[in-house]
Amino acid sequence: MRTAYSVSTVRAAEQALMARLPEGALMQRAAAGLAAACADLLRRSGRVYGSRVVLLVGSGDNGGDALYAGARLARRGAGVVAVRVSPGRAHEGGVAALLAAGGRVMDGGDVAPHRDWGGHIDLVVDGITGIGGRGGLRPEAAAVVEHYAAHGVPVLSVDLPSGVEADTGEVRGAAVRADATVTFGAYKPGLLVDPAAERAGALHLVDIGLGAELPDVPDLEALQYADVAALLPVPAAESDKYRRGVVGIVAGSARYPGAAVLAVSGALRGGAGAVRYVGPGGDAVIARHPETLVHAGPPSKAGRVQAWVVGPGLGDGTDAVEAVSDVLATDVPVLVDADGLRLLDADVVRARTAPTVLTPHAGEAAALLGVPREEVEAGRLAAVRALASRFRATVLLKGSTTLIATDTPHTPVRVNPTGTSWLATAGSGDVLSGLTGSLLAAGLAPRDAASVGAHLHGLAARHASDGSPVAAQDVADAIAAAWRDVRA
């Protein structure tokens, strides 16, 4: 499992560790790991000896890490030039080390040291602001970044791309777009949450010995295959459909019968022992999935279920309002998606004794919070936490990075690492709702059901698309392949 910690937590851990180490030892550990990562990148397109590396350095410790790493590369035969984004200001010890190793130092407006390179650069290292940066790059730093980005060579960021917000993943101004990021001691939330994560490129964690100093509970966590495999509900020899879980689906309308089919598809592929469908799309559902148990409604009369999914393609008529109300009145876990979210009564959700899972996209989340969509997209972490608190529910915020939050104190937000842009297609969310509902019915805790559902959904899209356009039903049909991946 990948875990991420806030800046304040990381700084406290660093201070505790530095108190037991010789002065400068922690920075040298970071520099050694950074230099090794730089060397790996350089070897992919050539070699370290004779390569040409530009370090963009600020005045703080982030720049110091880059300078000491540059000194190591220079001693291996690389040509290294450090560019101070604030003229005359950089980590003094790092500058001395680089100069002693044969590197050069210049200020942002000076291009003379590049003349003997013929304009050729192999790697740019971003060591401008680090985890303490706020509010985007300053104009002078942004101009230097833009100049070197125009060379079209790989950019490696130190700890995180300069200009992004380490704790929130927000990008509030000009920021570096890296091909890779080397981070030290622990991942930071901004490396896992968009829009900042999209700028970080490939992530590499350097162990500098912080593990024992970090708290047991992180701020964020991202499940990996082994974590998901441990949560998957696998039927035993004595299982029947009720032990496997029966999920009820209230979805579809005369206008959107396909939503019913897709939600049922996701539930069946997600391992449900049985699916009870309630709604006007019964004929379409039976035509595609004859094993489905269809009922005219209301949901409370449809028969025994262990979880409900309500909302996909439901519309907003009287029948839809009554269906949402009926489902929320039950004493089993309920997942609310799509049209169901617009029909929610927050007081009713907060008063439920059984778990509730909400699965909005950014636009739906904005409506629930009463803020512009752009605010949700820019601050996804704050939005998902606010929704979980407001509704006392588990919230799965869909988007470029899917986030799962609960209203339970001291519980990390989960980040799904398997998403793909091919999931931005009509009906994809309906499949996710059915899939997650089946996991709820199987007995997974709401947070785990949402996390596993998002993980499998993303893997299924990758299987279905193979780099090409994909439809929602293709994603549903590929869930079995995703399941096999996780268990392999």
Protein backbone atom coordinates (compact mmCIF):
# COMPACT_ATOMS: atom_id res chain seq x y z
CA MET A 1 0.00 0.00 0.00
CA ARG A 2 1.23 3.48 -0.84
CA THR A 3 0.79 5.95 1.99
CA ALA A 4 1.10 9.73 1.95
CA TYR A 5 1.68 12.19 4.79
CA SER A 6 1.14 15.90 5.17
CA VAL A 7 4.00 18.38 5.05
CA SER A 8 3.80 19.07 8.80
CA THR A 9 3.98 15.35 9.58
CA VAL A 10 6.95 14.82 7.27
CA ARG A 11 8.79 17.83 8.67
CA ALA A 12 8.27 16.62 12.24
CA ALA A 13 9.59 13.19 11.29
CA GLU A 14 12.63 14.74 9.60
CA GLN A 15 13.39 16.86 12.66
CA ALA A 16 13.20 13.82 14.94
CA LEU A 17 15.52 11.85 12.67
CA MET A 18 18.02 14.69 12.14
CA ALA A 19 18.39 15.04 15.91
CA ARG A 20 20.00 11.57 15.93
CA LEU A 21 22.15 11.98 12.81
CA PRO A 22 25.31 13.95 12.03
CA GLU A 23 24.64 17.37 10.54
CA GLY A 24 23.82 17.15 6.84
CA ALA A 25 23.47 13.37 6.81
CA LEU A 26 19.77 13.43 5.88
CA MET A 27 20.36 15.73 2.91
CA GLN A 28 23.18 13.49 1.72
CA ARG A 29 20.87 10.46 1.86
CA ALA A 30 18.33 12.34 -0.25
CA ALA A 31 21.00 13.52 -2.68
CA ALA A 32 22.36 9.99 -3.13
CA GLY A 33 18.91 8.65 -3.98
CA LEU A 34 18.22 11.56 -6.31
CA ALA A 35 21.53 11.14 -8.11
CA ALA A 36 20.83 7.43 -8.61
CA ALA A 37 17.42 8.21 -10.12
CA CYS A 38 18.96 10.83 -12.42
CA ALA A 39 21.57 8.33 -13.53
CA ASP A 40 18.86 5.76 -14.32
CA LEU A 41 17.06 8.27 -16.53
CA LEU A 42 20.26 9.27 -18.30
CA ARG A 43 21.21 5.66 -19.00
CA ARG A 44 17.88 5.02 -20.75
CA SER A 45 18.87 7.36 -23.56
CA GLY A 46 22.63 7.09 -23.39
CA ARG A 47 24.99 7.18 -20.42
CA VAL A 48 25.90 9.29 -17.43
CA TYR A 49 29.44 10.09 -18.57
CA GLY A 50 29.33 12.95 -21.06
CA SER A 51 25.65 13.74 -20.46
CA ARG A 52 24.49 17.31 -19.90
CA VAL A 53 22.34 18.13 -16.90
CA VAL A 54 20.72 21.42 -15.89
CA LEU A 55 19.68 21.93 -12.27
CA LEU A 56 16.99 24.55 -11.62
CA VAL A 57 17.54 25.45 -7.98
CA GLY A 58 15.81 27.61 -5.44
CA SER A 59 17.36 28.94 -2.26
CA GLY A 60 16.08 26.23 0.12
CA ASP A 61 16.88 22.64 0.99
CA ASN A 62 15.13 21.37 -2.13
CA GLY A 63 17.75 23.19 -4.18
CA GLY A 64 20.43 21.81 -1.85
CA ASP A 65 19.30 18.25 -2.62
CA ALA A 66 19.58 18.99 -6.34
CA LEU A 67 23.02 20.61 -5.99
CA TYR A 68 24.52 17.74 -3.98
CA ALA A 69 23.03 15.24 -6.43
CA GLY A 70 24.48 17.29 -9.28
CA ALA A 71 27.90 17.10 -7.63
CA ARG A 72 27.65 13.30 -7.60
CA LEU A 73 26.74 13.28 -11.30
CA ALA A 74 29.60 15.65 -12.12
CA ARG A 75 32.06 13.32 -10.39
CA ARG A 76 30.79 10.56 -12.72
CA GLY A 77 31.64 12.63 -15.76
CA ALA A 78 28.39 14.46 -16.46
CA GLY A 79 28.40 18.11 -17.40
CA VAL A 80 26.29 19.86 -14.77
CA VAL A 81 25.13 23.47 -14.68
CA ALA A 82 23.03 24.83 -11.81
CA VAL A 83 20.69 27.70 -12.63
CA ARG A 84 19.71 29.85 -9.64
CA VAL A 85 16.13 31.02 -10.23
CA SER A 86 16.72 33.81 -7.70
CA PRO A 87 20.02 35.41 -8.77
CA GLY A 88 22.80 34.89 -6.26
CA ARG A 89 20.67 32.76 -3.94
CA ALA A 90 21.14 29.01 -3.49
CA HIS A 91 22.14 26.49 -0.82
CA GLU A 92 25.76 27.47 -0.01
CA GLY A 93 27.00 23.99 0.85
CA GLY A 94 25.41 22.53 -2.27
CA VAL A 95 26.92 25.22 -4.49
CA ALA A 96 30.38 24.59 -3.01
CA ALA A 97 30.03 20.84 -3.55
CA LEU A 98 28.98 21.26 -7.18
CA LEU A 99 31.80 23.68 -7.98
CA ALA A 100 34.34 21.38 -6.30
CA ALA A 101 33.12 18.50 -8.48
CA GLY A 102 33.62 20.52 -11.67
CA GLY A 103 30.06 21.76 -12.14
CA ARG A 104 29.09 25.34 -12.89
CA VAL A 105 26.63 27.81 -11.38
CA MET A 106 24.78 30.59 -13.18
CA ASP A 107 21.80 32.87 -12.69
CA GLY A 108 18.56 32.57 -14.61
CA GLY A 109 19.28 35.18 -17.27
CA ASP A 110 22.83 34.03 -18.04
CA VAL A 111 23.13 31.55 -20.95
CA ALA A 112 26.90 31.74 -21.56
CA PRO A 113 27.75 28.41 -19.88
CA HIS A 114 25.53 26.60 -22.43
CA ARG A 115 27.39 27.77 -25.52
CA ASP A 116 29.83 24.89 -25.50
CA TRP A 117 26.92 22.43 -25.28
CA GLY A 118 25.52 23.54 -28.64
CA GLY A 119 22.09 23.83 -27.06
CA HIS A 120 22.03 20.11 -26.20
CA ILE A 121 20.64 19.09 -22.78
CA ASP A 122 19.89 15.52 -21.61
CA LEU A 123 18.06 16.17 -18.33
CA VAL A 124 16.54 19.06 -16.40
CA VAL A 125 16.26 18.66 -12.62
CA ASP A 126 13.60 20.77 -10.90
CA GLY A 127 14.77 21.73 -7.40
CA ILE A 128 13.03 25.08 -7.09
CA THR A 129 10.50 25.06 -4.27
CA GLY A 130 9.82 21.61 -2.81
CA ILE A 131 7.14 20.78 -0.26
CA GLY A 132 7.10 24.25 1.28
CA GLY A 133 5.96 26.04 -1.87
CA ARG A 134 2.62 27.80 -1.95
CA GLY A 135 0.57 29.52 -4.64
CA GLY A 136 2.43 28.54 -7.80
CA LEU A 137 5.80 29.63 -9.13
CA ARG A 138 6.89 33.25 -8.94
CA PRO A 139 7.24 34.99 -12.32
CA GLU A 140 11.04 34.78 -12.45
CA ALA A 141 10.98 31.05 -11.66
CA ALA A 142 8.16 30.44 -14.13
CA ALA A 143 10.18 32.15 -16.87
CA VAL A 144 13.21 29.94 -16.21
CA VAL A 145 11.03 26.79 -16.21
CA GLU A 146 9.39 27.81 -19.48
CA HIS A 147 12.80 28.42 -21.08
CA TYR A 148 14.12 24.95 -20.27
CA ALA A 149 10.82 23.16 -20.92
CA ALA A 150 11.14 24.37 -24.51
CA HIS A 151 14.16 22.07 -24.94
CA GLY A 152 11.81 19.07 -24.88
CA VAL A 153 14.06 16.95 -22.65
CA PRO A 154 13.03 14.87 -19.60
CA VAL A 155 12.29 16.82 -16.43
CA LEU A 156 12.81 15.22 -13.03
CA SER A 157 11.35 16.98 -9.99
CA VAL A 158 12.85 16.86 -6.51
CA ASP A 159 10.29 15.80 -3.87
CA LEU A 160 7.36 17.16 -5.94
CA PRO A 161 6.89 19.39 -8.99
CA SER A 162 7.60 22.98 -8.01
CA GLY A 163 4.48 25.13 -7.92
CA VAL A 164 1.99 22.46 -6.81
CA GLU A 165 0.46 22.24 -3.34
CA ALA A 166 1.97 19.30 -1.44
CA ASP A 167 -0.91 18.80 1.01
CA THR A 168 -3.90 19.22 -1.29
CA GLY A 169 -2.89 18.46 -4.86
CA GLU A 170 -4.01 21.92 -5.96
CA VAL A 171 -2.25 23.90 -8.69
CA ARG A 172 -2.84 27.60 -8.08
CA GLY A 173 -0.51 29.07 -10.66
CA ALA A 174 2.43 28.23 -12.88
CA ALA A 175 3.94 24.85 -12.02
CA VAL A 176 6.48 22.38 -13.35
CA ARG A 177 5.25 19.43 -15.42
CA ALA A 178 7.64 16.57 -14.67
CA ASP A 179 8.29 13.28 -16.41
CA ALA A 180 9.36 11.78 -13.08
CA THR A 181 9.43 12.82 -9.45
CA VAL A 182 11.81 11.55 -6.78
CA THR A 183 10.33 12.04 -3.33
CA PHE A 184 12.01 11.44 0.00
CA GLY A 185 10.90 9.51 3.07
CA ALA A 186 7.18 9.41 2.27
CA TYR A 187 4.76 10.26 -0.50
CA LYS A 188 3.01 13.61 -0.17
CA PRO A 189 -0.74 13.91 -0.86
CA GLY A 190 -0.19 16.16 -3.88
CA LEU A 191 1.73 13.35 -5.60
CA LEU A 192 -1.35 11.13 -5.54
CA VAL A 193 -4.20 13.62 -6.09
CA ASP A 194 -4.97 15.51 -9.29
CA PRO A 195 -4.46 18.07 -10.66
CA ALA A 196 -0.98 18.02 -9.07
CA ALA A 197 -0.49 14.26 -9.53
CA GLU A 198 -0.92 14.62 -13.26
CA ARG A 199 2.18 16.83 -13.27
CA ALA A 200 4.37 14.45 -11.26
CA GLY A 201 5.03 11.75 -13.86
CA ALA A 202 6.51 8.46 -12.69
CA LEU A 203 7.03 8.37 -8.92
CA HIS A 204 10.11 7.06 -7.15
CA LEU A 205 10.31 6.96 -3.34
CA VAL A 206 13.76 7.22 -1.76
CA ASP A 207 14.00 5.70 1.71
CA ILE A 208 15.90 8.13 3.93
CA GLY A 209 15.00 6.39 7.20
CA LEU A 210 11.81 8.24 8.15
CA GLY A 211 9.68 5.13 8.58
CA ALA A 212 10.07 4.79 12.35
CA GLU A 213 9.29 8.49 12.84
CA LEU A 214 6.04 8.55 10.87
CA PRO A 215 2.68 7.92 12.57
CA ASP A 216 0.82 4.66 11.95
CA VAL A 217 -2.13 6.44 10.32
CA PRO A 218 -1.31 8.35 7.12
CA ASP A 219 -3.32 11.14 5.54
CA LEU A 220 -3.85 9.25 2.28
CA GLU A 221 -3.43 5.68 1.12
CA ALA A 222 -3.60 3.92 -2.23
CA LEU A 223 -4.38 0.22 -2.36
CA GLN A 224 -2.14 -2.00 -4.47
CA TYR A 225 -2.97 -5.40 -5.97
CA ALA A 226 -2.16 -7.35 -2.81
CA ASP A 227 -4.35 -5.08 -0.68
CA VAL A 228 -7.29 -5.47 -3.06
CA ALA A 229 -6.77 -9.23 -3.34
CA ALA A 230 -7.02 -9.55 0.44
CA LEU A 231 -10.40 -7.79 0.37
CA LEU A 232 -12.01 -9.61 -2.57
CA PRO A 233 -15.03 -11.69 -1.49
CA VAL A 234 -14.39 -15.20 -2.81
CA PRO A 235 -17.20 -17.77 -2.37
CA ALA A 236 -16.52 -20.82 -0.20
CA ALA A 237 -17.73 -24.36 -0.83
CA GLU A 238 -20.84 -23.83 1.29
CA SER A 239 -21.77 -20.48 -0.29
CA ASP A 240 -25.22 -19.82 -1.70
CA LYS A 241 -26.57 -16.70 -3.39
CA TYR A 242 -27.37 -15.03 -0.07
CA ARG A 243 -23.93 -15.76 1.38
CA ARG A 244 -22.42 -14.29 -1.76
CA GLY A 245 -24.73 -11.29 -1.50
CA VAL A 246 -27.97 -10.19 -3.16
CA VAL A 247 -27.93 -6.62 -4.40
CA GLY A 248 -30.96 -4.58 -5.35
CA ILE A 249 -30.70 -2.18 -8.32
CA VAL A 250 -33.13 0.71 -8.74
CA ALA A 251 -32.11 2.32 -12.01
CA GLY A 252 -33.21 3.27 -15.47
CA SER A 253 -36.26 5.01 -16.87
CA ALA A 254 -38.21 5.16 -20.10
CA ARG A 255 -35.63 7.67 -21.31
CA TYR A 256 -32.56 5.82 -20.01
CA PRO A 257 -33.23 2.05 -19.99
CA GLY A 258 -29.56 1.40 -20.73
CA ALA A 259 -28.55 2.66 -17.29
CA ALA A 260 -30.44 -0.25 -15.78
CA VAL A 261 -28.64 -2.75 -18.01
CA LEU A 262 -25.22 -1.30 -17.22
CA ALA A 263 -25.77 -1.16 -13.46
CA VAL A 264 -26.99 -4.76 -13.44
CA SER A 265 -24.02 -5.76 -15.60
CA GLY A 266 -21.61 -4.25 -13.09
CA ALA A 267 -23.35 -5.99 -10.18
CA LEU A 268 -23.32 -9.41 -11.85
CA ARG A 269 -19.71 -9.11 -12.95
CA GLY A 270 -18.82 -7.94 -9.45
CA GLY A 271 -19.68 -11.30 -7.95
CA ALA A 272 -23.22 -10.79 -6.63
CA GLY A 273 -25.02 -14.03 -5.81
CA ALA A 274 -28.14 -12.51 -7.32
CA VAL A 275 -29.42 -9.16 -8.54
CA ARG A 276 -32.93 -7.88 -7.92
CA TYR A 277 -33.89 -5.20 -10.38
CA VAL A 278 -36.67 -2.67 -9.74
CA GLY A 279 -37.69 -0.17 -12.40
CA PRO A 280 -39.16 0.30 -15.85
CA GLY A 281 -36.20 -1.27 -17.66
CA GLY A 282 -37.06 -4.86 -16.80
CA ASP A 283 -37.46 -6.05 -20.40
CA ALA A 284 -34.09 -4.61 -21.43
CA VAL A 285 -32.42 -6.09 -18.36
CA ILE A 286 -33.87 -9.58 -18.89
CA ALA A 287 -32.93 -9.50 -22.56
CA ARG A 288 -29.29 -8.95 -21.58
CA HIS A 289 -29.17 -10.78 -18.24
CA PRO A 290 -31.90 -13.42 -17.91
CA GLU A 291 -30.66 -14.43 -14.45
CA THR A 292 -31.82 -11.08 -13.01
CA LEU A 293 -34.79 -11.09 -10.61
CA VAL A 294 -37.13 -8.37 -11.86
CA HIS A 295 -39.83 -6.67 -9.79
CA ALA A 296 -42.22 -3.85 -10.67
CA GLY A 297 -41.67 -2.11 -7.32
CA PRO A 298 -41.65 -0.45 -4.93
CA PRO A 299 -38.14 -1.51 -3.81
CA SER A 300 -39.32 -2.43 -0.30
CA LYS A 301 -41.60 -5.09 -1.83
CA ALA A 302 -39.00 -6.60 -4.17
CA GLY A 303 -37.64 -9.20 -1.75
CA ARG A 304 -34.60 -9.71 0.41
CA VAL A 305 -31.43 -7.84 -0.47
CA GLN A 306 -28.21 -7.14 1.43
CA ALA A 307 -27.53 -3.79 -0.25
CA TRP A 308 -29.24 -1.35 -2.60
CA VAL A 309 -27.98 0.74 -5.52
CA VAL A 310 -30.27 3.60 -6.50
CA GLY A 311 -30.06 6.41 -9.02
CA PRO A 312 -28.46 5.62 -12.40
CA GLY A 313 -30.73 6.90 -15.17
CA LEU A 314 -33.62 7.25 -12.74
CA GLY A 315 -34.83 10.68 -13.81
CA ASP A 316 -36.48 13.10 -11.41
CA GLY A 317 -40.19 12.30 -11.63
CA THR A 318 -42.48 11.27 -8.80
CA ASP A 319 -41.59 7.58 -9.16
CA ALA A 320 -37.91 8.41 -8.86
CA VAL A 321 -38.41 10.52 -5.74
CA GLU A 322 -40.46 7.77 -4.12
CA ALA A 323 -37.93 5.08 -5.05
CA VAL A 324 -35.01 7.00 -3.48
CA SER A 325 -37.04 7.64 -0.33
CA ASP A 326 -38.09 3.98 -0.12
CA VAL A 327 -34.51 2.72 -0.47
CA LEU A 328 -33.09 5.16 2.08
CA ALA A 329 -35.68 3.96 4.59
CA THR A 330 -34.23 0.43 4.56
CA ASP A 331 -31.78 -0.92 7.13
CA VAL A 332 -29.18 -2.22 4.66
CA PRO A 333 -26.25 -0.41 3.02
CA VAL A 334 -27.32 1.91 0.20
CA LEU A 335 -25.27 3.33 -2.67
CA VAL A 336 -26.66 6.49 -4.27
CA ASP A 337 -25.46 7.60 -7.69
CA ALA A 338 -26.36 9.90 -10.58
CA ASP A 339 -30.01 11.10 -10.50
CA GLY A 340 -30.39 9.72 -7.00
CA LEU A 341 -27.89 12.29 -5.74
CA ARG A 342 -30.11 15.15 -6.90
CA LEU A 343 -33.03 13.70 -4.96
CA LEU A 344 -31.21 13.30 -1.64
CA ASP A 345 -32.40 14.78 1.60
CA ALA A 346 -29.23 15.37 3.60
CA ASP A 347 -31.08 15.06 6.93
CA VAL A 348 -32.45 11.66 5.90
CA VAL A 349 -29.01 10.42 4.91
CA ARG A 350 -27.43 11.64 8.15
CA ALA A 351 -30.15 9.94 10.19
CA ARG A 352 -29.67 6.50 8.62
CA THR A 353 -28.33 3.78 10.89
CA ALA A 354 -27.11 1.64 8.00
CA PRO A 355 -24.17 2.78 5.84
CA THR A 356 -24.63 5.11 2.87
CA VAL A 357 -22.21 5.44 -0.05
CA LEU A 358 -22.42 8.44 -2.39
CA THR A 359 -20.66 8.30 -5.77
CA PRO A 360 -20.72 11.77 -7.39
CA HIS A 361 -18.63 13.12 -10.21
CA ALA A 362 -17.29 16.68 -9.90
CA GLY A 363 -20.47 18.34 -11.19
CA GLU A 364 -22.70 16.38 -8.84
CA ALA A 365 -20.34 17.01 -5.94
CA ALA A 366 -20.44 20.73 -6.67
CA ALA A 367 -24.24 20.71 -6.61
CA LEU A 368 -24.28 18.84 -3.29
CA LEU A 369 -21.81 21.31 -1.77
CA GLY A 370 -23.32 24.41 -3.39
CA VAL A 371 -20.04 25.49 -5.01
CA PRO A 372 -18.84 25.87 -8.62
CA ARG A 373 -17.65 22.72 -10.36
CA GLU A 374 -14.25 24.34 -10.90
CA GLU A 375 -13.78 24.58 -7.15
CA VAL A 376 -14.30 20.84 -6.76
CA GLU A 377 -11.96 19.99 -9.63
CA ALA A 378 -9.24 22.27 -8.26
CA GLY A 379 -9.57 21.02 -4.67
CA ARG A 380 -10.68 17.41 -4.92
CA LEU A 381 -9.33 16.38 -1.53
CA ALA A 382 -11.16 19.14 0.32
CA ALA A 383 -14.36 18.39 -1.61
CA VAL A 384 -14.50 14.68 -0.83
CA ARG A 385 -13.79 15.31 2.85
CA ALA A 386 -16.47 18.00 3.01
CA LEU A 387 -19.07 15.73 1.43
CA ALA A 388 -18.29 12.84 3.77
CA SER A 389 -18.64 15.15 6.76
CA ARG A 390 -21.80 16.86 5.54
CA PHE A 391 -23.70 13.64 4.78
CA ARG A 392 -22.06 11.39 7.39
CA ALA A 393 -21.45 8.95 4.58
CA THR A 394 -18.72 7.25 2.61
CA VAL A 395 -18.09 9.31 -0.52
CA LEU A 396 -16.46 8.10 -3.74
CA LEU A 397 -15.58 11.18 -5.78
CA LYS A 398 -15.13 10.11 -9.40
CA GLY A 399 -12.71 11.83 -11.72
CA SER A 400 -9.13 11.88 -12.93
CA THR A 401 -8.16 10.46 -9.56
CA THR A 402 -10.98 8.73 -7.69
CA LEU A 403 -11.01 9.54 -3.97
CA ILE A 404 -12.84 7.71 -1.19
CA ALA A 405 -13.47 9.43 2.16
CA THR A 406 -15.50 8.62 5.26
CA ASP A 407 -16.81 10.73 8.09
CA THR A 408 -14.85 8.68 10.63
CA PRO A 409 -12.12 10.74 12.33
CA HIS A 410 -8.48 9.82 11.69
CA THR A 411 -9.32 7.62 8.71
CA PRO A 412 -7.12 8.14 5.65
CA VAL A 413 -8.65 9.19 2.37
CA ARG A 414 -8.08 6.49 -0.23
CA VAL A 415 -6.83 7.23 -3.73
CA ASN A 416 -7.48 4.83 -6.58
CA PRO A 417 -4.36 4.37 -8.75
CA THR A 418 -5.93 2.40 -11.64
CA GLY A 419 -8.05 5.04 -13.38
CA THR A 420 -7.79 5.79 -17.07
CA SER A 421 -9.17 8.58 -19.22
CA TRP A 422 -11.08 5.98 -21.28
CA LEU A 423 -13.53 5.77 -18.36
CA ALA A 424 -14.82 9.21 -19.37
CA THR A 425 -17.64 7.61 -21.36
CA ALA A 426 -21.42 7.48 -20.96
CA GLY A 427 -22.60 4.72 -18.63
CA SER A 428 -19.22 4.00 -17.06
CA GLY A 429 -20.42 5.31 -13.70
CA ASP A 430 -23.49 3.05 -13.87
CA VAL A 431 -21.20 0.03 -14.15
CA LEU A 432 -19.15 1.24 -11.17
CA SER A 433 -22.30 1.66 -9.09
CA GLY A 434 -23.47 -1.88 -9.73
CA LEU A 435 -20.01 -3.30 -9.14
CA THR A 436 -19.58 -1.46 -5.84
CA GLY A 437 -23.12 -2.37 -4.78
CA SER A 438 -22.35 -6.06 -5.26
CA LEU A 439 -19.31 -5.71 -2.99
CA LEU A 440 -21.44 -4.01 -0.34
CA ALA A 441 -23.93 -6.88 -0.56
CA ALA A 442 -21.07 -9.36 -0.14
CA GLY A 443 -20.32 -7.79 3.23
CA LEU A 444 -17.41 -5.47 2.54
CA ALA A 445 -17.30 -2.33 4.65
CA PRO A 446 -18.40 0.73 2.65
CA ARG A 447 -14.89 2.18 2.40
CA ASP A 448 -13.48 -1.16 1.26
CA ALA A 449 -16.32 -1.78 -1.20
CA ALA A 450 -15.81 1.64 -2.77
CA SER A 451 -12.03 1.20 -2.91
CA VAL A 452 -12.14 -2.30 -4.42
CA GLY A 453 -14.90 -1.27 -6.84
CA ALA A 454 -12.91 1.71 -8.11
CA HIS A 455 -9.75 -0.40 -8.42
CA LEU A 456 -11.44 -3.17 -10.43
CA HIS A 457 -13.32 -0.63 -12.54
CA GLY A 458 -10.09 1.08 -13.56
CA LEU A 459 -8.34 -2.20 -14.35
CA ALA A 460 -11.35 -3.36 -16.38
CA ALA A 461 -11.24 -0.19 -18.47
CA ARG A 462 -7.56 -0.77 -19.20
CA HIS A 463 -8.32 -4.33 -20.32
CA ALA A 464 -11.26 -3.21 -22.44
CA SER A 465 -9.57 -0.27 -24.10
CA ASP A 466 -6.06 -1.57 -24.77
CA GLY A 467 -5.29 2.01 -25.79
CA SER A 468 -8.39 2.38 -27.97
CA PRO A 469 -11.88 3.82 -27.38
CA VAL A 470 -14.07 1.80 -25.03
CA ALA A 471 -17.81 1.67 -24.22
CA ALA A 472 -19.31 1.17 -20.78
CA GLN A 473 -20.56 -2.35 -21.52
CA ASP A 474 -17.02 -3.28 -22.59
CA VAL A 475 -15.82 -2.17 -19.16
CA ALA A 476 -18.44 -4.32 -17.44
CA ASP A 477 -17.48 -7.33 -19.55
CA ALA A 478 -13.81 -6.88 -18.62
CA ILE A 479 -14.36 -6.89 -14.84
CA ALA A 480 -13.67 -10.64 -14.71
CA ALA A 481 -10.26 -10.06 -16.30
CA ALA A 482 -9.54 -7.34 -13.75
CA TRP A 483 -10.52 -9.73 -10.97
CA ARG A 484 -8.05 -12.31 -12.31
CA ASP A 485 -5.30 -9.67 -12.47
CA VAL A 486 -5.72 -8.82 -8.81
CA ARG A 487 -5.75 -12.45 -7.67
CA ALA A 488 -2.83 -13.55 -9.86
